[in-house]
Amino acid sequence: MATKPRKKESATFRVFEAVFEDGVLRPLQDPGLAEHHRFAVQVQELGAGDPGSGLAAWHEVYEGLSEDDVAEVEAMALDRSRFSREDPE
């Protein structure tokens, strides 16, 4: 007896910020989700919201580097050709 191939289900992902208050995860904007529909939720903590802490962490990236080294790192980051791989021959 042959079985039908399973229909491949595609998942739709939406990313939005939310805050957890009184046992409820509350979106900060309307996420456009259907009422009473069930969803799987993956949570990534964004931190306490201190913008200075993120900036301080980025400064640590360059700690100990010379000005020439910093310029080279920034040039590599801005070189979009480094973000794609060529097909192997």
Protein backbone atom coordinates (compact mmCIF):
# COMPACT_ATOMS: atom_id res chain seq x y z
CA MET A 1 0.00 0.00 0.00
CA ALA A 2 1.57 3.30 -1.12
CA THR A 3 1.51 6.28 1.19
CA LYS A 4 1.01 9.82 0.07
CA PRO A 5 3.99 12.11 0.48
CA ARG A 6 3.54 14.45 3.42
CA LYS A 7 2.64 17.97 2.50
CA LYS A 8 5.56 20.17 3.49
CA GLU A 9 4.37 22.74 6.01
CA SER A 10 5.97 26.14 5.92
CA ALA A 11 6.42 28.10 9.12
CA THR A 12 5.94 31.84 9.26
CA PHE A 13 8.15 33.69 11.68
CA ARG A 14 7.35 37.08 13.15
CA VAL A 15 9.67 39.05 15.35
CA PHE A 16 8.34 41.62 17.78
CA GLU A 17 9.30 42.99 21.17
CA ALA A 18 7.26 42.11 24.21
CA VAL A 19 7.40 42.58 27.97
CA PHE A 20 6.58 39.93 30.57
CA GLU A 21 4.24 41.36 33.23
CA ASP A 22 2.02 39.62 35.77
CA GLY A 23 2.55 36.22 34.14
CA VAL A 24 1.65 37.42 30.64
CA LEU A 25 3.92 38.09 27.67
CA ARG A 26 2.55 41.38 26.27
CA PRO A 27 3.62 42.63 22.80
CA LEU A 28 4.72 46.28 22.69
CA GLN A 29 2.97 46.71 19.30
CA ASP A 30 0.17 44.88 17.54
CA PRO A 31 1.91 41.73 16.24
CA GLY A 32 -0.88 40.99 13.75
CA LEU A 33 -1.64 37.55 15.14
CA ALA A 34 -5.01 35.80 14.91
CA GLU A 35 -7.08 35.82 18.10
CA HIS A 36 -7.38 32.45 19.92
CA HIS A 37 -4.82 30.85 17.61
CA ARG A 38 -2.04 28.79 19.19
CA PHE A 39 1.60 29.73 18.54
CA ALA A 40 4.99 28.34 19.42
CA VAL A 41 7.08 31.05 21.08
CA GLN A 42 10.86 31.36 21.14
CA VAL A 43 12.15 33.97 23.59
CA GLN A 44 15.37 35.97 23.34
CA GLU A 45 16.12 38.32 26.22
CA LEU A 46 17.02 41.81 25.04
CA GLY A 47 18.46 43.00 28.34
CA ALA A 48 17.63 45.78 30.71
CA GLY A 49 17.42 48.39 27.99
CA ASP A 50 20.50 50.43 28.94
CA PRO A 51 21.74 51.71 25.55
CA GLY A 52 25.12 52.61 27.06
CA SER A 53 25.89 49.00 27.93
CA GLY A 54 25.62 47.90 24.29
CA LEU A 55 27.85 50.73 23.16
CA ALA A 56 30.41 49.85 25.84
CA ALA A 57 30.46 46.25 24.62
CA TRP A 58 31.20 47.40 21.06
CA HIS A 59 34.08 49.53 22.30
CA GLU A 60 35.60 46.38 23.84
CA VAL A 61 35.82 44.87 20.33
CA TYR A 62 38.49 47.42 19.44
CA GLU A 63 40.28 47.37 22.79
CA GLY A 64 44.03 46.93 22.34
CA LEU A 65 43.99 47.43 18.57
CA SER A 66 46.04 50.10 16.82
CA GLU A 67 44.31 52.70 14.65
CA ASP A 68 45.49 50.82 11.57
CA ASP A 69 44.00 47.57 12.92
CA VAL A 70 40.69 49.30 13.66
CA ALA A 71 40.63 50.75 10.13
CA GLU A 72 41.28 47.29 8.67
CA VAL A 73 38.50 45.67 10.75
CA GLU A 74 36.05 48.39 9.71
CA ALA A 75 37.05 48.09 6.05
CA MET A 76 36.44 44.32 6.20
CA ALA A 77 33.03 44.88 7.83
CA LEU A 78 32.03 47.33 5.08
CA ASP A 79 33.27 45.11 2.24
CA ARG A 80 30.01 43.41 1.17
CA SER A 81 31.89 40.96 -1.06
CA ARG A 82 32.98 39.14 2.09
CA PHE A 83 29.37 38.32 2.97
CA SER A 84 28.75 35.94 0.10
CA ARG A 85 30.59 32.80 -0.87
CA GLU A 86 31.38 31.83 -4.41
CA ASP A 87 30.30 28.40 -5.55
CA PRO A 88 33.12 25.85 -5.18
CA GLU A 89 34.60 24.81 -8.50
